Amino acid sequence: MPKILTVMLVLLVASVIEADALQGRILSFGTNACEDFVAAPEQSQQMYLSWAVGFISGANMFDQSDARLTGSKYTPGSFLLWLKNYCTQKPLAVFVEAASKLREELAVNEGLKSR
């Protein structure tokens, strides 16, 4: 039963993230396309990275599960590389989607959540 609830929560969050971006609730870099991030100069990419780290921190604050500790092994270089790889593969994705997927993958890799 908990796995079903987790899957339902992930699907709900994914749909809310997409809907929020479209409704203007996601601010700043989160509303840009991944291709904009990939094409941005290094200094701007650092701003996107800061936005993603803030997004992950905010999501952690509202998470009641073990995943609230996601990203505890944060290193700027590894996060930036992950975001660049994701956004290169999905250039039309909204950047908030990349940040959300990064958090998801971190939670799995850190043993805080199962796939």
PDB file of N, CA and C in Angstrom:
ATOM      1  N   MET A   1       0.813  -1.200   0.000  1.00  0.00           N
ATOM      2  CA  MET A   1       0.000   0.000   0.000  1.00  0.00           C
ATOM      3  C   MET A   1       0.859   1.268   0.000  1.00  0.00           C
ATOM      4  N   PRO A   2       1.945   1.362   0.835  1.00  0.00           N
ATOM      5  CA  PRO A   2       2.767   2.570   0.818  1.00  0.00           C
ATOM      6  C   PRO A   2       3.387   2.843  -0.550  1.00  0.00           C
ATOM      7  N   LYS A   3       3.752   1.780  -1.290  1.00  0.00           N
ATOM      8  CA  LYS A   3       4.344   1.985  -2.615  1.00  0.00           C
ATOM      9  C   LYS A   3       3.329   2.596  -3.573  1.00  0.00           C
ATOM     10  N   ILE A   4       2.084   2.183  -3.469  1.00  0.00           N
ATOM     11  CA  ILE A   4       1.033   2.740  -4.325  1.00  0.00           C
ATOM     12  C   ILE A   4       0.854   4.216  -4.014  1.00  0.00           C
ATOM     13  N   LEU A   5       0.852   4.553  -2.729  1.00  0.00           N
ATOM     14  CA  LEU A   5       0.714   5.954  -2.336  1.00  0.00           C
ATOM     15  C   LEU A   5       1.898   6.777  -2.822  1.00  0.00           C
ATOM     16  N   THR A   6       3.095   6.211  -2.759  1.00  0.00           N
ATOM     17  CA  THR A   6       4.285   6.906  -3.237  1.00  0.00           C
ATOM     18  C   THR A   6       4.184   7.169  -4.732  1.00  0.00           C
ATOM     19  N   VAL A   7       3.775   6.169  -5.492  1.00  0.00           N
ATOM     20  CA  VAL A   7       3.628   6.333  -6.938  1.00  0.00           C
ATOM     21  C   VAL A   7       2.584   7.397  -7.244  1.00  0.00           C
ATOM     22  N   MET A   8       1.469   7.345  -6.513  1.00  0.00           N
ATOM     23  CA  MET A   8       0.417   8.334  -6.737  1.00  0.00           C
ATOM     24  C   MET A   8       0.913   9.739  -6.411  1.00  0.00           C
ATOM     25  N   LEU A   9       1.704   9.871  -5.348  1.00  0.00           N
ATOM     26  CA  LEU A   9       2.244  11.168  -4.963  1.00  0.00           C
ATOM     27  C   LEU A   9       3.204  11.694  -6.028  1.00  0.00           C
ATOM     28  N   VAL A  10       4.061  10.829  -6.547  1.00  0.00           N
ATOM     29  CA  VAL A  10       5.002  11.236  -7.596  1.00  0.00           C
ATOM     30  C   VAL A  10       4.243  11.722  -8.825  1.00  0.00           C
ATOM     31  N   LEU A  11       3.222  10.982  -9.224  1.00  0.00           N
ATOM     32  CA  LEU A  11       2.427  11.388 -10.387  1.00  0.00           C
ATOM     33  C   LEU A  11       1.712  12.704 -10.134  1.00  0.00           C
ATOM     34  N   LEU A  12       1.200  12.871  -8.938  1.00  0.00           N
ATOM     35  CA  LEU A  12       0.528  14.118  -8.591  1.00  0.00           C
ATOM     36  C   LEU A  12       1.502  15.291  -8.619  1.00  0.00           C
ATOM     37  N   VAL A  13       2.679  15.100  -8.020  1.00  0.00           N
ATOM     38  CA  VAL A  13       3.680  16.161  -8.011  1.00  0.00           C
ATOM     39  C   VAL A  13       4.102  16.517  -9.427  1.00  0.00           C
ATOM     40  N   ALA A  14       4.311  15.508 -10.269  1.00  0.00           N
ATOM     41  CA  ALA A  14       4.708  15.764 -11.654  1.00  0.00           C
ATOM     42  C   ALA A  14       3.650  16.574 -12.387  1.00  0.00           C
ATOM     43  N   SER A  15       2.394  16.228 -12.186  1.00  0.00           N
ATOM     44  CA  SER A  15       1.339  16.964 -12.883  1.00  0.00           C
ATOM     45  C   SER A  15       1.178  18.363 -12.307  1.00  0.00           C
ATOM     46  N   VAL A  16       1.361  18.513 -11.001  1.00  0.00           N
ATOM     47  CA  VAL A  16       1.266  19.833 -10.378  1.00  0.00           C
ATOM     48  C   VAL A  16       2.415  20.718 -10.842  1.00  0.00           C
ATOM     49  N   ILE A  17       3.611  20.155 -10.928  1.00  0.00           N
ATOM     50  CA  ILE A  17       4.767  20.932 -11.384  1.00  0.00           C
ATOM     51  C   ILE A  17       4.513  21.457 -12.787  1.00  0.00           C
ATOM     52  N   GLU A  18       4.055  20.599 -13.678  1.00  0.00           N
ATOM     53  CA  GLU A  18       3.788  21.030 -15.047  1.00  0.00           C
ATOM     54  C   GLU A  18       2.680  22.077 -15.071  1.00  0.00           C
ATOM     55  N   ALA A  19       1.614  21.854 -14.325  1.00  0.00           N
ATOM     56  CA  ALA A  19       0.502  22.803 -14.293  1.00  0.00           C
ATOM     57  C   ALA A  19       0.929  24.127 -13.667  1.00  0.00           C
ATOM     58  N   ASP A  20       1.719  24.070 -12.588  1.00  0.00           N
ATOM     59  CA  ASP A  20       2.172  25.290 -11.941  1.00  0.00           C
ATOM     60  C   ASP A  20       3.040  26.131 -12.866  1.00  0.00           C
ATOM     61  N   ALA A  21       3.910  25.496 -13.615  1.00  0.00           N
ATOM     62  CA  ALA A  21       4.757  26.238 -14.546  1.00  0.00           C
ATOM     63  C   ALA A  21       3.894  26.955 -15.566  1.00  0.00           C
ATOM     64  N   LEU A  22       2.860  26.295 -16.031  1.00  0.00           N
ATOM     65  CA  LEU A  22       1.982  26.893 -17.022  1.00  0.00           C
ATOM     66  C   LEU A  22       1.132  28.004 -16.423  1.00  0.00           C
ATOM     67  N   GLN A  23       0.829  27.930 -15.140  1.00  0.00           N
ATOM     68  CA  GLN A  23      -0.031  28.921 -14.500  1.00  0.00           C
ATOM     69  C   GLN A  23       0.758  30.075 -13.880  1.00  0.00           C
ATOM     70  N   GLY A  24       2.067  30.084 -14.043  1.00  0.00           N
ATOM     71  CA  GLY A  24       2.866  31.186 -13.541  1.00  0.00           C
ATOM     72  C   GLY A  24       3.239  31.097 -12.078  1.00  0.00           C
ATOM     73  N   ARG A  25       3.079  29.939 -11.461  1.00  0.00           N
ATOM     74  CA  ARG A  25       3.440  29.800 -10.049  1.00  0.00           C
ATOM     75  C   ARG A  25       4.914  29.501  -9.865  1.00  0.00           C
ATOM     76  N   ILE A  26       5.527  28.979 -10.877  1.00  0.00           N
ATOM     77  CA  ILE A  26       6.965  28.734 -10.840  1.00  0.00           C
ATOM     78  C   ILE A  26       7.628  30.016 -11.341  1.00  0.00           C
ATOM     79  N   LEU A  27       8.596  30.500 -10.599  1.00  0.00           N
ATOM     80  CA  LEU A  27       9.217  31.778 -10.921  1.00  0.00           C
ATOM     81  C   LEU A  27      10.624  31.609 -11.486  1.00  0.00           C
ATOM     82  N   SER A  28      11.071  32.644 -12.126  1.00  0.00           N
ATOM     83  CA  SER A  28      12.455  32.803 -12.554  1.00  0.00           C
ATOM     84  C   SER A  28      12.909  31.689 -13.508  1.00  0.00           C
ATOM     85  N   PHE A  29      14.087  31.132 -13.264  1.00  0.00           N
ATOM     86  CA  PHE A  29      14.703  30.179 -14.182  1.00  0.00           C
ATOM     87  C   PHE A  29      13.883  28.903 -14.370  1.00  0.00           C
ATOM     88  N   GLY A  30      13.051  28.568 -13.417  1.00  0.00           N
ATOM     89  CA  GLY A  30      12.263  27.345 -13.485  1.00  0.00           C
ATOM     90  C   GLY A  30      11.324  27.278 -14.665  1.00  0.00           C
ATOM     91  N   THR A  31      10.934  28.428 -15.206  1.00  0.00           N
ATOM     92  CA  THR A  31       9.989  28.453 -16.324  1.00  0.00           C
ATOM     93  C   THR A  31      10.678  28.374 -17.685  1.00  0.00           C
ATOM     94  N   ASN A  32      11.990  28.471 -17.704  1.00  0.00           N
ATOM     95  CA  ASN A  32      12.734  28.433 -18.974  1.00  0.00           C
ATOM     96  C   ASN A  32      12.859  27.010 -19.501  1.00  0.00           C
ATOM     97  N   ALA A  33      13.054  26.903 -20.785  1.00  0.00           N
ATOM     98  CA  ALA A  33      13.294  25.597 -21.407  1.00  0.00           C
ATOM     99  C   ALA A  33      14.708  25.129 -21.065  1.00  0.00           C
ATOM    100  N   CYS A  34      14.883  23.839 -21.006  1.00  0.00           N
ATOM    101  CA  CYS A  34      16.204  23.264 -20.749  1.00  0.00           C
ATOM    102  C   CYS A  34      17.244  23.743 -21.764  1.00  0.00           C
ATOM    103  N   GLU A  35      16.817  23.928 -23.006  1.00  0.00           N
ATOM    104  CA  GLU A  35      17.764  24.377 -24.020  1.00  0.00           C
ATOM    105  C   GLU A  35      18.340  25.753 -23.680  1.00  0.00           C
ATOM    106  N   ASP A  36      17.568  26.585 -22.982  1.00  0.00           N
ATOM    107  CA  ASP A  36      18.071  27.896 -22.557  1.00  0.00           C
ATOM    108  C   ASP A  36      19.174  27.728 -21.519  1.00  0.00           C
ATOM    109  N   PHE A  37      18.992  26.784 -20.614  1.00  0.00           N
ATOM    110  CA  PHE A  37      20.014  26.492 -19.605  1.00  0.00           C
ATOM    111  C   PHE A  37      21.297  26.004 -20.257  1.00  0.00           C
ATOM    112  N   VAL A  38      21.170  25.056 -21.171  1.00  0.00           N
ATOM    113  CA  VAL A  38      22.350  24.477 -21.832  1.00  0.00           C
ATOM    114  C   VAL A  38      23.115  25.545 -22.615  1.00  0.00           C
ATOM    115  N   ALA A  39      22.396  26.462 -23.249  1.00  0.00           N
ATOM    116  CA  ALA A  39      23.024  27.498 -24.082  1.00  0.00           C
ATOM    117  C   ALA A  39      23.535  28.687 -23.267  1.00  0.00           C
ATOM    118  N   ALA A  40      23.164  28.764 -22.007  1.00  0.00           N
ATOM    119  CA  ALA A  40      23.524  29.919 -21.181  1.00  0.00           C
ATOM    120  C   ALA A  40      25.018  29.938 -20.877  1.00  0.00           C
ATOM    121  N   PRO A  41      25.596  31.136 -20.698  1.00  0.00           N
ATOM    122  CA  PRO A  41      26.999  31.217 -20.268  1.00  0.00           C
ATOM    123  C   PRO A  41      27.164  30.615 -18.874  1.00  0.00           C
ATOM    124  N   GLU A  42      28.389  30.277 -18.539  1.00  0.00           N
ATOM    125  CA  GLU A  42      28.677  29.586 -17.276  1.00  0.00           C
ATOM    126  C   GLU A  42      28.109  30.323 -16.058  1.00  0.00           C
ATOM    127  N   GLN A  43      28.232  31.631 -16.025  1.00  0.00           N
ATOM    128  CA  GLN A  43      27.726  32.402 -14.881  1.00  0.00           C
ATOM    129  C   GLN A  43      26.205  32.253 -14.759  1.00  0.00           C
ATOM    130  N   SER A  44      25.510  32.265 -15.869  1.00  0.00           N
ATOM    131  CA  SER A  44      24.051  32.082 -15.843  1.00  0.00           C
ATOM    132  C   SER A  44      23.685  30.656 -15.446  1.00  0.00           C
ATOM    133  N   GLN A  45      24.487  29.683 -15.885  1.00  0.00           N
ATOM    134  CA  GLN A  45      24.224  28.301 -15.493  1.00  0.00           C
ATOM    135  C   GLN A  45      24.330  28.146 -13.977  1.00  0.00           C
ATOM    136  N   GLN A  46      25.218  28.916 -13.358  1.00  0.00           N
ATOM    137  CA  GLN A  46      25.334  28.883 -11.901  1.00  0.00           C
ATOM    138  C   GLN A  46      24.056  29.415 -11.241  1.00  0.00           C
ATOM    139  N   MET A  47      23.418  30.379 -11.887  1.00  0.00           N
ATOM    140  CA  MET A  47      22.151  30.908 -11.368  1.00  0.00           C
ATOM    141  C   MET A  47      21.055  29.841 -11.482  1.00  0.00           C
ATOM    142  N   TYR A  48      21.045  29.127 -12.606  1.00  0.00           N
ATOM    143  CA  TYR A  48      20.088  28.023 -12.765  1.00  0.00           C
ATOM    144  C   TYR A  48      20.342  26.976 -11.674  1.00  0.00           C
ATOM    145  N   LEU A  49      21.609  26.672 -11.433  1.00  0.00           N
ATOM    146  CA  LEU A  49      21.958  25.686 -10.403  1.00  0.00           C
ATOM    147  C   LEU A  49      21.441  26.138  -9.041  1.00  0.00           C
ATOM    148  N   SER A  50      21.636  27.398  -8.729  1.00  0.00           N
ATOM    149  CA  SER A  50      21.143  27.930  -7.454  1.00  0.00           C
ATOM    150  C   SER A  50      19.627  27.805  -7.374  1.00  0.00           C
ATOM    151  N   TRP A  51      18.964  28.067  -8.482  1.00  0.00           N
ATOM    152  CA  TRP A  51      17.501  27.931  -8.511  1.00  0.00           C
ATOM    153  C   TRP A  51      17.114  26.479  -8.228  1.00  0.00           C
ATOM    154  N   ALA A  52      17.795  25.529  -8.874  1.00  0.00           N
ATOM    155  CA  ALA A  52      17.483  24.106  -8.695  1.00  0.00           C
ATOM    156  C   ALA A  52      17.722  23.668  -7.253  1.00  0.00           C
ATOM    157  N   VAL A  53      18.800  24.125  -6.639  1.00  0.00           N
ATOM    158  CA  VAL A  53      19.097  23.775  -5.250  1.00  0.00           C
ATOM    159  C   VAL A  53      18.013  24.349  -4.334  1.00  0.00           C
ATOM    160  N   GLY A  54      17.564  25.558  -4.619  1.00  0.00           N
ATOM    161  CA  GLY A  54      16.472  26.146  -3.846  1.00  0.00           C
ATOM    162  C   GLY A  54      15.174  25.373  -4.021  1.00  0.00           C
ATOM    163  N   PHE A  55      14.923  24.936  -5.244  1.00  0.00           N
ATOM    164  CA  PHE A  55      13.728  24.127  -5.516  1.00  0.00           C
ATOM    165  C   PHE A  55      13.770  22.832  -4.709  1.00  0.00           C
ATOM    166  N   ILE A  56      14.914  22.156  -4.722  1.00  0.00           N
ATOM    167  CA  ILE A  56      15.063  20.895  -3.991  1.00  0.00           C
ATOM    168  C   ILE A  56      14.904  21.143  -2.490  1.00  0.00           C
ATOM    169  N   SER A  57      15.499  22.210  -1.990  1.00  0.00           N
ATOM    170  CA  SER A  57      15.371  22.543  -0.567  1.00  0.00           C
ATOM    171  C   SER A  57      13.910  22.804  -0.192  1.00  0.00           C
ATOM    172  N   GLY A  58      13.211  23.538  -1.043  1.00  0.00           N
ATOM    173  CA  GLY A  58      11.794  23.819  -0.788  1.00  0.00           C
ATOM    174  C   GLY A  58      10.958  22.556  -0.800  1.00  0.00           C
ATOM    175  N   ALA A  59      11.216  21.674  -1.767  1.00  0.00           N
ATOM    176  CA  ALA A  59      10.479  20.411  -1.835  1.00  0.00           C
ATOM    177  C   ALA A  59      10.769  19.562  -0.599  1.00  0.00           C
ATOM    178  N   ASN A  60      12.014  19.588  -0.132  1.00  0.00           N
ATOM    179  CA  ASN A  60      12.377  18.832   1.072  1.00  0.00           C
ATOM    180  C   ASN A  60      11.613  19.328   2.289  1.00  0.00           C
ATOM    181  N   MET A  61      11.406  20.626   2.379  1.00  0.00           N
ATOM    182  CA  MET A  61      10.708  21.197   3.536  1.00  0.00           C
ATOM    183  C   MET A  61       9.279  20.688   3.655  1.00  0.00           C
ATOM    184  N   PHE A  62       8.647  20.390   2.524  1.00  0.00           N
ATOM    185  CA  PHE A  62       7.252  19.960   2.541  1.00  0.00           C
ATOM    186  C   PHE A  62       7.096  18.447   2.488  1.00  0.00           C
ATOM    187  N   ASP A  63       8.193  17.736   2.380  1.00  0.00           N
ATOM    188  CA  ASP A  63       8.151  16.272   2.298  1.00  0.00           C
ATOM    189  C   ASP A  63       8.154  15.691   3.703  1.00  0.00           C
ATOM    190  N   GLN A  64       7.203  14.833   4.002  1.00  0.00           N
ATOM    191  CA  GLN A  64       7.106  14.222   5.326  1.00  0.00           C
ATOM    192  C   GLN A  64       7.813  12.865   5.400  1.00  0.00           C
ATOM    193  N   SER A  65       8.295  12.375   4.262  1.00  0.00           N
ATOM    194  CA  SER A  65       8.954  11.068   4.232  1.00  0.00           C
ATOM    195  C   SER A  65      10.456  11.227   4.460  1.00  0.00           C
ATOM    196  N   ASP A  66      11.172  10.104   4.397  1.00  0.00           N
ATOM    197  CA  ASP A  66      12.633  10.145   4.517  1.00  0.00           C
ATOM    198  C   ASP A  66      13.270  10.986   3.415  1.00  0.00           C
ATOM    199  N   ALA A  67      12.554  11.155   2.307  1.00  0.00           N
ATOM    200  CA  ALA A  67      13.088  11.918   1.177  1.00  0.00           C
ATOM    201  C   ALA A  67      13.278  13.391   1.511  1.00  0.00           C
ATOM    202  N   ARG A  68      12.850  13.813   2.684  1.00  0.00           N
ATOM    203  CA  ARG A  68      13.050  15.205   3.089  1.00  0.00           C
ATOM    204  C   ARG A  68      14.535  15.525   3.287  1.00  0.00           C
ATOM    205  N   LEU A  69      15.362  14.478   3.311  1.00  0.00           N
ATOM    206  CA  LEU A  69      16.811  14.652   3.458  1.00  0.00           C
ATOM    207  C   LEU A  69      17.544  14.576   2.120  1.00  0.00           C
ATOM    208  N   THR A  70      16.801  14.611   1.033  1.00  0.00           N
ATOM    209  CA  THR A  70      17.381  14.476  -0.307  1.00  0.00           C
ATOM    210  C   THR A  70      18.421  15.564  -0.574  1.00  0.00           C
ATOM    211  N   GLY A  71      19.552  15.127  -1.118  1.00  0.00           N
ATOM    212  CA  GLY A  71      20.595  16.067  -1.514  1.00  0.00           C
ATOM    213  C   GLY A  71      21.595  16.372  -0.426  1.00  0.00           C
ATOM    214  N   SER A  72      21.594  15.590   0.637  1.00  0.00           N
ATOM    215  CA  SER A  72      22.504  15.869   1.752  1.00  0.00           C
ATOM    216  C   SER A  72      23.974  15.751   1.345  1.00  0.00           C
ATOM    217  N   LYS A  73      24.214  15.067   0.227  1.00  0.00           N
ATOM    218  CA  LYS A  73      25.595  14.931  -0.274  1.00  0.00           C
ATOM    219  C   LYS A  73      25.828  15.878  -1.445  1.00  0.00           C
ATOM    220  N   TYR A  74      25.171  17.023  -1.403  1.00  0.00           N
ATOM    221  CA  TYR A  74      25.218  18.024  -2.464  1.00  0.00           C
ATOM    222  C   TYR A  74      26.644  18.455  -2.808  1.00  0.00           C
ATOM    223  N   THR A  75      26.949  18.392  -4.086  1.00  0.00           N
ATOM    224  CA  THR A  75      28.169  19.015  -4.604  1.00  0.00           C
ATOM    225  C   THR A  75      27.756  19.776  -5.866  1.00  0.00           C
ATOM    226  N   PRO A  76      28.138  21.050  -5.950  1.00  0.00           N
ATOM    227  CA  PRO A  76      27.714  21.855  -7.098  1.00  0.00           C
ATOM    228  C   PRO A  76      28.086  21.227  -8.440  1.00  0.00           C
ATOM    229  N   GLY A  77      29.285  20.684  -8.544  1.00  0.00           N
ATOM    230  CA  GLY A  77      29.732  20.106  -9.811  1.00  0.00           C
ATOM    231  C   GLY A  77      28.883  18.933 -10.265  1.00  0.00           C
ATOM    232  N   SER A  78      28.530  18.062  -9.335  1.00  0.00           N
ATOM    233  CA  SER A  78      27.744  16.881  -9.723  1.00  0.00           C
ATOM    234  C   SER A  78      26.316  17.275 -10.091  1.00  0.00           C
ATOM    235  N   PHE A  79      25.727  18.213  -9.367  1.00  0.00           N
ATOM    236  CA  PHE A  79      24.375  18.674  -9.696  1.00  0.00           C
ATOM    237  C   PHE A  79      24.366  19.349 -11.065  1.00  0.00           C
ATOM    238  N   LEU A  80      25.352  20.200 -11.304  1.00  0.00           N
ATOM    239  CA  LEU A  80      25.418  20.922 -12.574  1.00  0.00           C
ATOM    240  C   LEU A  80      25.592  19.954 -13.739  1.00  0.00           C
ATOM    241  N   LEU A  81      26.463  18.974 -13.588  1.00  0.00           N
ATOM    242  CA  LEU A  81      26.673  17.972 -14.636  1.00  0.00           C
ATOM    243  C   LEU A  81      25.393  17.188 -14.897  1.00  0.00           C
ATOM    244  N   TRP A  82      24.687  16.778 -13.842  1.00  0.00           N
ATOM    245  CA  TRP A  82      23.434  16.039 -14.011  1.00  0.00           C
ATOM    246  C   TRP A  82      22.423  16.887 -14.771  1.00  0.00           C
ATOM    247  N   LEU A  83      22.278  18.139 -14.381  1.00  0.00           N
ATOM    248  CA  LEU A  83      21.312  19.033 -15.040  1.00  0.00           C
ATOM    249  C   LEU A  83      21.677  19.255 -16.511  1.00  0.00           C
ATOM    250  N   LYS A  84      22.966  19.416 -16.790  1.00  0.00           N
ATOM    251  CA  LYS A  84      23.403  19.596 -18.191  1.00  0.00           C
ATOM    252  C   LYS A  84      23.082  18.356 -19.021  1.00  0.00           C
ATOM    253  N   ASN A  85      23.354  17.181 -18.472  1.00  0.00           N
ATOM    254  CA  ASN A  85      23.062  15.935 -19.195  1.00  0.00           C
ATOM    255  C   ASN A  85      21.566  15.791 -19.452  1.00  0.00           C
ATOM    256  N   TYR A  86      20.767  16.014 -18.431  1.00  0.00           N
ATOM    257  CA  TYR A  86      19.314  15.896 -18.573  1.00  0.00           C
ATOM    258  C   TYR A  86      18.795  16.888 -19.617  1.00  0.00           C
ATOM    259  N   CYS A  87      19.212  18.121 -19.494  1.00  0.00           N
ATOM    260  CA  CYS A  87      18.701  19.172 -20.378  1.00  0.00           C
ATOM    261  C   CYS A  87      19.218  19.037 -21.810  1.00  0.00           C
ATOM    262  N   THR A  88      20.379  18.451 -21.988  1.00  0.00           N
ATOM    263  CA  THR A  88      20.882  18.190 -23.336  1.00  0.00           C
ATOM    264  C   THR A  88      20.015  17.129 -24.011  1.00  0.00           C
ATOM    265  N   GLN A  89      19.596  16.126 -23.226  1.00  0.00           N
ATOM    266  CA  GLN A  89      18.750  15.057 -23.767  1.00  0.00           C
ATOM    267  C   GLN A  89      17.302  15.492 -23.960  1.00  0.00           C
ATOM    268  N   LYS A  90      16.855  16.476 -23.180  1.00  0.00           N
ATOM    269  CA  LYS A  90      15.457  16.935 -23.244  1.00  0.00           C
ATOM    270  C   LYS A  90      15.426  18.461 -23.344  1.00  0.00           C
ATOM    271  N   PRO A  91      15.871  19.000 -24.461  1.00  0.00           N
ATOM    272  CA  PRO A  91      16.003  20.460 -24.576  1.00  0.00           C
ATOM    273  C   PRO A  91      14.691  21.231 -24.465  1.00  0.00           C
ATOM    274  N   LEU A  92      13.572  20.617 -24.771  1.00  0.00           N
ATOM    275  CA  LEU A  92      12.289  21.327 -24.714  1.00  0.00           C
ATOM    276  C   LEU A  92      11.597  21.193 -23.357  1.00  0.00           C
ATOM    277  N   ALA A  93      12.176  20.417 -22.453  1.00  0.00           N
ATOM    278  CA  ALA A  93      11.598  20.285 -21.114  1.00  0.00           C
ATOM    279  C   ALA A  93      11.708  21.621 -20.384  1.00  0.00           C
ATOM    280  N   VAL A  94      10.775  21.869 -19.484  1.00  0.00           N
ATOM    281  CA  VAL A  94      10.840  23.059 -18.643  1.00  0.00           C
ATOM    282  C   VAL A  94      11.871  22.783 -17.544  1.00  0.00           C
ATOM    283  N   PHE A  95      12.680  23.788 -17.197  1.00  0.00           N
ATOM    284  CA  PHE A  95      13.779  23.574 -16.259  1.00  0.00           C
ATOM    285  C   PHE A  95      13.306  23.036 -14.909  1.00  0.00           C
ATOM    286  N   VAL A  96      12.112  23.417 -14.465  1.00  0.00           N
ATOM    287  CA  VAL A  96      11.600  22.894 -13.199  1.00  0.00           C
ATOM    288  C   VAL A  96      11.466  21.371 -13.263  1.00  0.00           C
ATOM    289  N   GLU A  97      11.179  20.847 -14.435  1.00  0.00           N
ATOM    290  CA  GLU A  97      11.105  19.386 -14.594  1.00  0.00           C
ATOM    291  C   GLU A  97      12.472  18.768 -14.344  1.00  0.00           C
ATOM    292  N   ALA A  98      13.519  19.404 -14.855  1.00  0.00           N
ATOM    293  CA  ALA A  98      14.877  18.895 -14.637  1.00  0.00           C
ATOM    294  C   ALA A  98      15.214  18.896 -13.150  1.00  0.00           C
ATOM    295  N   ALA A  99      14.876  19.964 -12.448  1.00  0.00           N
ATOM    296  CA  ALA A  99      15.152  20.049 -11.012  1.00  0.00           C
ATOM    297  C   ALA A  99      14.376  18.977 -10.248  1.00  0.00           C
ATOM    298  N   SER A 100      13.142  18.753 -10.645  1.00  0.00           N
ATOM    299  CA  SER A 100      12.316  17.732 -10.000  1.00  0.00           C
ATOM    300  C   SER A 100      12.872  16.334 -10.239  1.00  0.00           C
ATOM    301  N   LYS A 101      13.291  16.064 -11.465  1.00  0.00           N
ATOM    302  CA  LYS A 101      13.864  14.752 -11.789  1.00  0.00           C
ATOM    303  C   LYS A 101      15.186  14.552 -11.058  1.00  0.00           C
ATOM    304  N   LEU A 102      15.979  15.618 -10.917  1.00  0.00           N
ATOM    305  CA  LEU A 102      17.225  15.526 -10.167  1.00  0.00           C
ATOM    306  C   LEU A 102      16.926  15.132  -8.720  1.00  0.00           C
ATOM    307  N   ARG A 103      15.953  15.775  -8.102  1.00  0.00           N
ATOM    308  CA  ARG A 103      15.588  15.441  -6.719  1.00  0.00           C
ATOM    309  C   ARG A 103      15.134  13.992  -6.607  1.00  0.00           C
ATOM    310  N   GLU A 104      14.329  13.572  -7.570  1.00  0.00           N
ATOM    311  CA  GLU A 104      13.849  12.189  -7.582  1.00  0.00           C
ATOM    312  C   GLU A 104      15.012  11.201  -7.635  1.00  0.00           C
ATOM    313  N   GLU A 105      15.934  11.442  -8.563  1.00  0.00           N
ATOM    314  CA  GLU A 105      17.073  10.535  -8.724  1.00  0.00           C
ATOM    315  C   GLU A 105      17.979  10.552  -7.497  1.00  0.00           C
ATOM    316  N   LEU A 106      18.186  11.720  -6.927  1.00  0.00           N
ATOM    317  CA  LEU A 106      18.999  11.807  -5.712  1.00  0.00           C
ATOM    318  C   LEU A 106      18.379  10.988  -4.582  1.00  0.00           C
ATOM    319  N   ALA A 107      17.070  11.116  -4.412  1.00  0.00           N
ATOM    320  CA  ALA A 107      16.383  10.384  -3.336  1.00  0.00           C
ATOM    321  C   ALA A 107      16.550   8.877  -3.512  1.00  0.00           C
ATOM    322  N   VAL A 108      16.475   8.408  -4.744  1.00  0.00           N
ATOM    323  CA  VAL A 108      16.655   6.984  -5.012  1.00  0.00           C
ATOM    324  C   VAL A 108      18.109   6.585  -4.740  1.00  0.00           C
ATOM    325  N   ASN A 109      19.052   7.352  -5.280  1.00  0.00           N
ATOM    326  CA  ASN A 109      20.472   7.029  -5.117  1.00  0.00           C
ATOM    327  C   ASN A 109      20.935   7.103  -3.669  1.00  0.00           C
ATOM    328  N   GLU A 110      20.290   7.952  -2.888  1.00  0.00           N
ATOM    329  CA  GLU A 110      20.662   8.100  -1.489  1.00  0.00           C
ATOM    330  C   GLU A 110      19.909   7.127  -0.579  1.00  0.00           C
ATOM    331  N   GLY A 111      19.110   6.243  -1.199  1.00  0.00           N
ATOM    332  CA  GLY A 111      18.381   5.229  -0.453  1.00  0.00           C
ATOM    333  C   GLY A 111      17.218   5.773   0.371  1.00  0.00           C
ATOM    334  N   LEU A 112      16.725   6.950  -0.014  1.00  0.00           N
ATOM    335  CA  LEU A 112      15.629   7.579   0.721  1.00  0.00           C
ATOM    336  C   LEU A 112      14.274   7.241   0.120  1.00  0.00           C
ATOM    337  N   LYS A 113      14.301   6.664  -1.070  1.00  0.00           N
ATOM    338  CA  LYS A 113      13.070   6.378  -1.798  1.00  0.00           C
ATOM    339  C   LYS A 113      13.378   5.289  -2.812  1.00  0.00           C
ATOM    340  N   SER A 114      12.397   4.450  -3.101  1.00  0.00           N
ATOM    341  CA  SER A 114      12.593   3.418  -4.125  1.00  0.00           C
ATOM    342  C   SER A 114      12.014   3.923  -5.452  1.00  0.00           C
ATOM    343  N   ARG A 115      12.435   3.305  -6.527  1.00  0.00           N
ATOM    344  CA  ARG A 115      11.951   3.723  -7.855  1.00  0.00           C
ATOM    345  C   ARG A 115      10.517   3.455  -8.027  1.00  0.00           C
TER     346      ARG A 115
END
